[in-house]
C-alpha cells in the first residue's frame, strides 16, 4: 500500500505547473510500486503501478479506484457519461481529487494517455475496440508514470479481470424504505491461475418506494 501523503493543489499557484511537478514525481516512483486498494479487494486484486485491470460493472470500476482515492491519490473516470457521483462518494472516492471526462471523443487513446500522465488510477470505458499495439503503448506509459489503468470493457491483456457473480440488497422492510447496503461476490481471474473470490459491501443510500394501489391503477388505465 502506498504511504505517500495526499497532494492537494495549491489555489494560489498555476495548475499546469503543479501538474508538471506531479508528473515528475510519478516518473521517479518504482515501476511496480503497490497502489492502495480497498481492503476487501487487496487480497485478490491488489493494484500495482504499471498494470491494467478489467472489470465488467460500474460497481467494480468505482471500487478499483476507491482505495487509492481514500489514500489521497488523484483518480480519473473517462468515457462515462452517466457517472454516478453519489455511488462514487458512497464507496469513499474523494470527489475533490477526481477528474471526470464524460466523453472521450474521437482521439480517446490520446486523452487516456494524458490522464495517465497526471493521475494515479484511471478508469475508462473504451468507446471502440483497441488493438494489442495501442494497448501496449498505454501500458508502457503506465509503467513510466507508475499509474494503474482500470478498463470497464474489453482489453487485449490485463493483470486481472474482475466480474460480479452474486449481488444482494439489504435495507427495505415490507417492500419499501431505504436500500442500505449491497453485498456482491467478486470473481477474479488471472490467466491460468486458480479463480479467486472476495465479498464486497457497498453502501447504497437509495430509496425504494412501493406505489400505492391507486397510483398503480392510474398507471394501468
C-alpha atoms as a PDB file:
ATOM      1  CA  UNK A   1       0.000   0.000   0.000  1.00  0.00           C
ATOM      2  CA  UNK A   2       1.278   3.449  -0.859  1.00  0.00           C
ATOM      3  CA  UNK A   3       2.367   5.525   2.153  1.00  0.00           C
ATOM      4  CA  UNK A   4       2.833   8.775   0.264  1.00  0.00           C
ATOM      5  CA  UNK A   5       0.932  11.739   1.714  1.00  0.00           C
ATOM      6  CA  UNK A   6      -2.019  13.296  -0.101  1.00  0.00           C
ATOM      7  CA  UNK A   7      -1.073  16.066  -2.509  1.00  0.00           C
ATOM      8  CA  UNK A   8      -3.597  18.870  -2.790  1.00  0.00           C
ATOM      9  CA  UNK A   9      -3.488  21.540  -5.455  1.00  0.00           C
ATOM     10  CA  UNK A  10      -2.496  24.997  -4.254  1.00  0.00           C
ATOM     11  CA  UNK A  11      -5.148  27.509  -5.452  1.00  0.00           C
ATOM     12  CA  UNK A  12      -2.566  30.304  -5.418  1.00  0.00           C
ATOM     13  CA  UNK A  13      -0.305  28.591  -7.961  1.00  0.00           C
ATOM     14  CA  UNK A  14      -0.627  27.620 -11.610  1.00  0.00           C
ATOM     15  CA  UNK A  15      -2.489  24.326 -12.022  1.00  0.00           C
ATOM     16  CA  UNK A  16      -0.320  23.445 -15.038  1.00  0.00           C
ATOM     17  CA  UNK A  17       2.889  23.936 -13.036  1.00  0.00           C
ATOM     18  CA  UNK A  18       1.584  21.772 -10.216  1.00  0.00           C
ATOM     19  CA  UNK A  19       0.549  19.001 -12.594  1.00  0.00           C
ATOM     20  CA  UNK A  20       4.005  19.089 -14.182  1.00  0.00           C
ATOM     21  CA  UNK A  21       5.510  18.626 -10.737  1.00  0.00           C
ATOM     22  CA  UNK A  22       3.207  15.646 -10.189  1.00  0.00           C
ATOM     23  CA  UNK A  23       4.342  14.114 -13.482  1.00  0.00           C
ATOM     24  CA  UNK A  24       7.984  14.477 -12.470  1.00  0.00           C
ATOM     25  CA  UNK A  25       7.274  12.898  -9.071  1.00  0.00           C
ATOM     26  CA  UNK A  26       5.420   9.974 -10.663  1.00  0.00           C
ATOM     27  CA  UNK A  27       8.327   9.303 -13.019  1.00  0.00           C
ATOM     28  CA  UNK A  28      10.593   8.816 -10.005  1.00  0.00           C
ATOM     29  CA  UNK A  29       8.346   6.169  -8.465  1.00  0.00           C
ATOM     30  CA  UNK A  30       9.222   2.450  -8.710  1.00  0.00           C
ATOM     31  CA  UNK A  31       7.658   0.810 -11.780  1.00  0.00           C
ATOM     32  CA  UNK A  32       5.893  -1.936  -9.785  1.00  0.00           C
ATOM     33  CA  UNK A  33       5.001   0.073  -6.700  1.00  0.00           C
ATOM     34  CA  UNK A  34       1.878  -1.021  -4.836  1.00  0.00           C
ATOM     35  CA  UNK A  35      -1.146   1.272  -5.002  1.00  0.00           C
ATOM     36  CA  UNK A  36      -3.657   1.480  -2.152  1.00  0.00           C
ATOM     37  CA  UNK A  37      -6.591  -0.895  -2.716  1.00  0.00           C
ATOM     38  CA  UNK A  38      -9.853  -1.389  -0.828  1.00  0.00           C
ATOM     39  CA  UNK A  39      -9.282  -3.958   1.957  1.00  0.00           C
ATOM     40  CA  UNK A  40     -11.986  -6.241   0.509  1.00  0.00           C
ATOM     41  CA  UNK A  41     -10.070  -6.465  -2.788  1.00  0.00           C
ATOM     42  CA  UNK A  42      -6.481  -6.158  -1.565  1.00  0.00           C
ATOM     43  CA  UNK A  43      -6.010  -9.899  -1.089  1.00  0.00           C
ATOM     44  CA  UNK A  44      -7.311 -10.953  -4.504  1.00  0.00           C
ATOM     45  CA  UNK A  45      -6.712  -7.942  -6.772  1.00  0.00           C
ATOM     46  CA  UNK A  46      -4.122  -5.555  -5.326  1.00  0.00           C
ATOM     47  CA  UNK A  47      -3.368  -2.612  -7.614  1.00  0.00           C
ATOM     48  CA  UNK A  48       0.180  -2.416  -8.907  1.00  0.00           C
ATOM     49  CA  UNK A  49       1.703   0.522 -10.747  1.00  0.00           C
ATOM     50  CA  UNK A  50       2.170  -0.147 -14.447  1.00  0.00           C
ATOM     51  CA  UNK A  51      -0.693  -2.651 -14.681  1.00  0.00           C
ATOM     52  CA  UNK A  52      -4.110  -2.814 -16.369  1.00  0.00           C
ATOM     53  CA  UNK A  53      -7.217  -4.385 -14.830  1.00  0.00           C
ATOM     54  CA  UNK A  54     -10.515  -5.347 -16.474  1.00  0.00           C
ATOM     55  CA  UNK A  55     -13.960  -5.063 -14.834  1.00  0.00           C
ATOM     56  CA  UNK A  56     -17.494  -5.796 -16.006  1.00  0.00           C
ATOM     57  CA  UNK A  57     -19.581  -3.363 -13.959  1.00  0.00           C
ATOM     58  CA  UNK A  58     -19.823   0.179 -12.643  1.00  0.00           C
ATOM     59  CA  UNK A  59     -19.565  -1.077  -9.056  1.00  0.00           C
ATOM     60  CA  UNK A  60     -16.211  -2.738  -9.675  1.00  0.00           C
ATOM     61  CA  UNK A  61     -14.960   0.195 -11.749  1.00  0.00           C
ATOM     62  CA  UNK A  62     -15.562   2.507  -8.788  1.00  0.00           C
ATOM     63  CA  UNK A  63     -14.270   0.014  -6.215  1.00  0.00           C
ATOM     64  CA  UNK A  64     -10.949  -0.422  -8.011  1.00  0.00           C
ATOM     65  CA  UNK A  65     -10.227   3.311  -7.745  1.00  0.00           C
ATOM     66  CA  UNK A  66     -11.687   3.867  -4.275  1.00  0.00           C
ATOM     67  CA  UNK A  67      -8.719   2.636  -2.252  1.00  0.00           C
ATOM     68  CA  UNK A  68      -6.253   4.937  -3.982  1.00  0.00           C
ATOM     69  CA  UNK A  69      -8.633   7.876  -3.665  1.00  0.00           C
ATOM     70  CA  UNK A  70      -9.085   7.265   0.066  1.00  0.00           C
ATOM     71  CA  UNK A  71      -5.287   7.151   0.438  1.00  0.00           C
ATOM     72  CA  UNK A  72      -5.003  10.658  -1.011  1.00  0.00           C
ATOM     73  CA  UNK A  73      -4.259   9.869  -4.643  1.00  0.00           C
ATOM     74  CA  UNK A  74      -5.875  11.565  -7.661  1.00  0.00           C
ATOM     75  CA  UNK A  75      -8.091   9.325  -9.784  1.00  0.00           C
ATOM     76  CA  UNK A  76      -9.996   9.800 -13.027  1.00  0.00           C
ATOM     77  CA  UNK A  77     -13.003   8.382 -14.866  1.00  0.00           C
ATOM     78  CA  UNK A  78     -13.293   8.728 -18.633  1.00  0.00           C
ATOM     79  CA  UNK A  79     -15.877   7.766 -21.229  1.00  0.00           C
ATOM     80  CA  UNK A  80     -18.521   7.509 -18.523  1.00  0.00           C
ATOM     81  CA  UNK A  81     -21.402   9.834 -19.441  1.00  0.00           C
ATOM     82  CA  UNK A  82     -23.695   8.513 -16.691  1.00  0.00           C
ATOM     83  CA  UNK A  83     -21.063   8.568 -13.946  1.00  0.00           C
ATOM     84  CA  UNK A  84     -22.745   8.161 -10.551  1.00  0.00           C
ATOM     85  CA  UNK A  85     -21.428  10.845  -8.220  1.00  0.00           C
ATOM     86  CA  UNK A  86     -23.394   9.564  -5.214  1.00  0.00           C
ATOM     87  CA  UNK A  87     -22.289   5.986  -5.843  1.00  0.00           C
ATOM     88  CA  UNK A  88     -18.658   7.108  -6.074  1.00  0.00           C
ATOM     89  CA  UNK A  89     -18.887   9.066  -2.834  1.00  0.00           C
ATOM     90  CA  UNK A  90     -20.626   6.115  -1.168  1.00  0.00           C
ATOM     91  CA  UNK A  91     -17.599   3.938  -1.909  1.00  0.00           C
ATOM     92  CA  UNK A  92     -15.312   6.536  -0.373  1.00  0.00           C
ATOM     93  CA  UNK A  93     -13.989   8.218  -3.509  1.00  0.00           C
ATOM     94  CA  UNK A  94     -12.911  11.768  -2.715  1.00  0.00           C
ATOM     95  CA  UNK A  95     -14.621  13.863  -5.391  1.00  0.00           C
ATOM     96  CA  UNK A  96     -12.325  16.852  -4.842  1.00  0.00           C
ATOM     97  CA  UNK A  97      -9.445  14.694  -6.115  1.00  0.00           C
ATOM     98  CA  UNK A  98     -11.378  13.165  -9.000  1.00  0.00           C
ATOM     99  CA  UNK A  99     -11.197  14.070 -12.695  1.00  0.00           C
ATOM    100  CA  UNK A 100     -14.207  13.234 -14.878  1.00  0.00           C
ATOM    101  CA  UNK A 101     -14.153  13.178 -18.687  1.00  0.00           C
ATOM    102  CA  UNK A 102     -17.676  12.060 -19.700  1.00  0.00           C
ATOM    103  CA  UNK A 103     -16.963  11.921 -23.447  1.00  0.00           C
ATOM    104  CA  UNK A 104     -13.556  10.726 -24.635  1.00  0.00           C
ATOM    105  CA  UNK A 105     -14.189  11.837 -28.201  1.00  0.00           C
ATOM    106  CA  UNK A 106     -12.530  10.644 -31.385  1.00  0.00           C
ATOM    107  CA  UNK A 107      -8.985  10.783 -30.020  1.00  0.00           C
ATOM    108  CA  UNK A 108      -9.783   8.795 -26.911  1.00  0.00           C
ATOM    109  CA  UNK A 109      -6.455   6.991 -26.726  1.00  0.00           C
ATOM    110  CA  UNK A 110      -4.592  10.304 -26.619  1.00  0.00           C
ATOM    111  CA  UNK A 111      -6.954  11.607 -23.936  1.00  0.00           C
ATOM    112  CA  UNK A 112      -6.433   8.461 -21.867  1.00  0.00           C
ATOM    113  CA  UNK A 113      -2.662   8.815 -22.201  1.00  0.00           C
ATOM    114  CA  UNK A 114      -2.871  12.425 -20.991  1.00  0.00           C
ATOM    115  CA  UNK A 115      -4.856  11.338 -17.937  1.00  0.00           C
ATOM    116  CA  UNK A 116      -2.314   8.607 -17.165  1.00  0.00           C
ATOM    117  CA  UNK A 117       0.355  11.311 -17.145  1.00  0.00           C
ATOM    118  CA  UNK A 118      -1.120  13.069 -14.116  1.00  0.00           C
ATOM    119  CA  UNK A 119      -3.418  10.634 -12.276  1.00  0.00           C
ATOM    120  CA  UNK A 120      -2.602   7.629 -10.127  1.00  0.00           C
ATOM    121  CA  UNK A 121      -5.563   5.491 -11.235  1.00  0.00           C
ATOM    122  CA  UNK A 122      -7.521   5.994 -14.472  1.00  0.00           C
ATOM    123  CA  UNK A 123     -10.801   4.190 -15.143  1.00  0.00           C
ATOM    124  CA  UNK A 124     -12.052   4.156 -18.740  1.00  0.00           C
ATOM    125  CA  UNK A 125     -14.987   2.835 -20.749  1.00  0.00           C
ATOM    126  CA  UNK A 126     -13.425   2.436 -24.221  1.00  0.00           C
ATOM    127  CA  UNK A 127     -15.699   3.751 -26.988  1.00  0.00           C
ATOM    128  CA  UNK A 128     -14.036   1.415 -29.505  1.00  0.00           C
ATOM    129  CA  UNK A 129     -12.021  -1.780 -29.710  1.00  0.00           C
ATOM    130  CA  UNK A 130      -8.328  -1.286 -29.010  1.00  0.00           C
ATOM    131  CA  UNK A 131      -5.674  -3.477 -30.593  1.00  0.00           C
ATOM    132  CA  UNK A 132      -2.706  -5.019 -28.806  1.00  0.00           C
ATOM    133  CA  UNK A 133      -0.250  -2.465 -30.183  1.00  0.00           C
ATOM    134  CA  UNK A 134      -2.220   0.541 -28.924  1.00  0.00           C
ATOM    135  CA  UNK A 135      -2.751  -1.157 -25.574  1.00  0.00           C
ATOM    136  CA  UNK A 136       0.987  -1.772 -25.218  1.00  0.00           C
ATOM    137  CA  UNK A 137       1.704   1.928 -25.792  1.00  0.00           C
ATOM    138  CA  UNK A 138      -0.612   2.866 -22.949  1.00  0.00           C
ATOM    139  CA  UNK A 139       0.828   0.156 -20.712  1.00  0.00           C
ATOM    140  CA  UNK A 140       4.328   1.481 -21.390  1.00  0.00           C
ATOM    141  CA  UNK A 141       3.127   4.910 -20.305  1.00  0.00           C
ATOM    142  CA  UNK A 142       1.631   3.386 -17.156  1.00  0.00           C
ATOM    143  CA  UNK A 143       4.986   1.913 -16.258  1.00  0.00           C
ATOM    144  CA  UNK A 144       6.723   5.237 -16.826  1.00  0.00           C
ATOM    145  CA  UNK A 145       4.195   7.218 -14.774  1.00  0.00           C
ATOM    146  CA  UNK A 146       3.665   4.498 -12.144  1.00  0.00           C
ATOM    147  CA  UNK A 147      -0.098   4.544 -12.593  1.00  0.00           C
ATOM    148  CA  UNK A 148      -2.795   1.895 -12.954  1.00  0.00           C
ATOM    149  CA  UNK A 149      -5.492   1.577 -15.623  1.00  0.00           C
ATOM    150  CA  UNK A 150      -8.914   0.044 -14.977  1.00  0.00           C
ATOM    151  CA  UNK A 151     -10.923  -0.821 -18.094  1.00  0.00           C
ATOM    152  CA  UNK A 152     -14.674  -1.315 -17.998  1.00  0.00           C
ATOM    153  CA  UNK A 153     -14.977  -3.359 -21.162  1.00  0.00           C
ATOM    154  CA  UNK A 154     -12.720  -5.358 -23.461  1.00  0.00           C
ATOM    155  CA  UNK A 155      -8.936  -5.023 -23.402  1.00  0.00           C
ATOM    156  CA  UNK A 156      -6.253  -7.204 -25.058  1.00  0.00           C
ATOM    157  CA  UNK A 157      -4.301  -8.005 -21.905  1.00  0.00           C
ATOM    158  CA  UNK A 158      -4.948  -7.441 -18.195  1.00  0.00           C
ATOM    159  CA  UNK A 159      -3.174  -8.176 -14.941  1.00  0.00           C
ATOM    160  CA  UNK A 160      -6.529  -9.434 -13.632  1.00  0.00           C
ATOM    161  CA  UNK A 161     -10.165  -9.463 -14.714  1.00  0.00           C
ATOM    162  CA  UNK A 162     -12.886  -8.909 -12.138  1.00  0.00           C
ATOM    163  CA  UNK A 163     -16.573  -9.723 -12.509  1.00  0.00           C
ATOM    164  CA  UNK A 164     -19.640  -9.765 -10.280  1.00  0.00           C
ATOM    165  CA  UNK A 165     -21.055 -13.208  -9.529  1.00  0.00           C
ATOM    166  CA  UNK A 166     -23.801 -12.524  -6.984  1.00  0.00           C
ATOM    167  CA  UNK A 167     -25.499  -9.373  -5.752  1.00  0.00           C
ATOM    168  CA  UNK A 168     -27.855  -8.836  -2.836  1.00  0.00           C
ATOM    169  CA  UNK A 169     -29.517  -5.714  -1.457  1.00  0.00           C
ATOM    170  CA  UNK A 170     -30.471  -5.127   2.159  1.00  0.00           C
ATOM    171  CA  UNK A 171     -32.487  -2.464   3.905  1.00  0.00           C
ATOM    172  CA  UNK A 172     -36.120  -2.239   2.748  1.00  0.00           C
ATOM    173  CA  UNK A 173     -38.756  -3.605   5.082  1.00  0.00           C
ATOM    174  CA  UNK A 174     -42.180  -4.697   3.754  1.00  0.00           C
ATOM    175  CA  UNK A 175     -41.135  -3.706   0.247  1.00  0.00           C
ATOM    176  CA  UNK A 176     -40.361  -0.047   0.970  1.00  0.00           C
ATOM    177  CA  UNK A 177     -37.693   2.077   2.601  1.00  0.00           C
ATOM    178  CA  UNK A 178     -34.034   2.871   2.033  1.00  0.00           C
ATOM    179  CA  UNK A 179     -31.648   0.419   0.377  1.00  0.00           C
ATOM    180  CA  UNK A 180     -28.892   0.312   2.973  1.00  0.00           C
ATOM    181  CA  UNK A 181     -26.186  -1.910   1.512  1.00  0.00           C
ATOM    182  CA  UNK A 182     -25.373  -4.021  -1.497  1.00  0.00           C
ATOM    183  CA  UNK A 183     -23.334  -7.163  -0.949  1.00  0.00           C
ATOM    184  CA  UNK A 184     -21.584  -8.558  -4.003  1.00  0.00           C
ATOM    185  CA  UNK A 185     -19.376 -11.552  -4.695  1.00  0.00           C
ATOM    186  CA  UNK A 186     -16.362 -10.685  -6.849  1.00  0.00           C
ATOM    187  CA  UNK A 187     -14.643 -13.236  -9.076  1.00  0.00           C
ATOM    188  CA  UNK A 188     -11.002 -12.557 -10.001  1.00  0.00           C
ATOM    189  CA  UNK A 189      -9.325 -14.299 -12.935  1.00  0.00           C
ATOM    190  CA  UNK A 190      -5.596 -14.147 -13.718  1.00  0.00           C
ATOM    191  CA  UNK A 191      -4.715 -16.170 -16.784  1.00  0.00           C
ATOM    192  CA  UNK A 192      -4.441 -19.857 -15.915  1.00  0.00           C
ATOM    193  CA  UNK A 193      -4.313 -19.298 -12.166  1.00  0.00           C
ATOM    194  CA  UNK A 194      -6.963 -20.589  -9.803  1.00  0.00           C
ATOM    195  CA  UNK A 195     -10.028 -18.341  -9.762  1.00  0.00           C
ATOM    196  CA  UNK A 196     -10.288 -16.271  -6.575  1.00  0.00           C
ATOM    197  CA  UNK A 197     -13.325 -14.733  -4.897  1.00  0.00           C
ATOM    198  CA  UNK A 198     -13.974 -11.908  -2.480  1.00  0.00           C
ATOM    199  CA  UNK A 199     -17.013 -10.314  -0.855  1.00  0.00           C
ATOM    200  CA  UNK A 200     -17.553  -6.587  -1.163  1.00  0.00           C
ATOM    201  CA  UNK A 201     -20.143  -4.475   0.647  1.00  0.00           C
ATOM    202  CA  UNK A 202     -21.257  -1.240  -0.971  1.00  0.00           C
ATOM    203  CA  UNK A 203     -23.283   1.491   0.743  1.00  0.00           C
ATOM    204  CA  UNK A 204     -26.382   2.364  -1.255  1.00  0.00           C
ATOM    205  CA  UNK A 205     -28.431   5.171   0.229  1.00  0.00           C
ATOM    206  CA  UNK A 206     -31.198   4.727  -2.365  1.00  0.00           C
ATOM    207  CA  UNK A 207     -34.888   4.957  -1.526  1.00  0.00           C
ATOM    208  CA  UNK A 208     -37.214   2.186  -2.683  1.00  0.00           C
ATOM    209  CA  UNK A 209     -40.861   3.247  -2.754  1.00  0.00           C
ATOM    210  CA  UNK A 210     -43.768   0.904  -3.458  1.00  0.00           C
ATOM    211  CA  UNK A 211     -46.570   2.665  -5.436  1.00  0.00           C
ATOM    212  CA  UNK A 212     -49.998   2.762  -3.831  1.00  0.00           C
ATOM    213  CA  UNK A 213     -52.806   0.704  -5.415  1.00  0.00           C
ATOM    214  CA  UNK A 214     -54.404   3.965  -6.607  1.00  0.00           C
ATOM    215  CA  UNK A 215     -51.322   5.098  -8.471  1.00  0.00           C
ATOM    216  CA  UNK A 216     -50.922   1.630  -9.971  1.00  0.00           C
ATOM    217  CA  UNK A 217     -54.492   1.715 -11.294  1.00  0.00           C
ATOM    218  CA  UNK A 218     -53.873   5.158 -12.787  1.00  0.00           C
ATOM    219  CA  UNK A 219     -50.714   3.905 -14.476  1.00  0.00           C
ATOM    220  CA  UNK A 220     -52.561   0.949 -15.990  1.00  0.00           C
ATOM    221  CA  UNK A 221     -55.516   2.974 -17.225  1.00  0.00           C
END
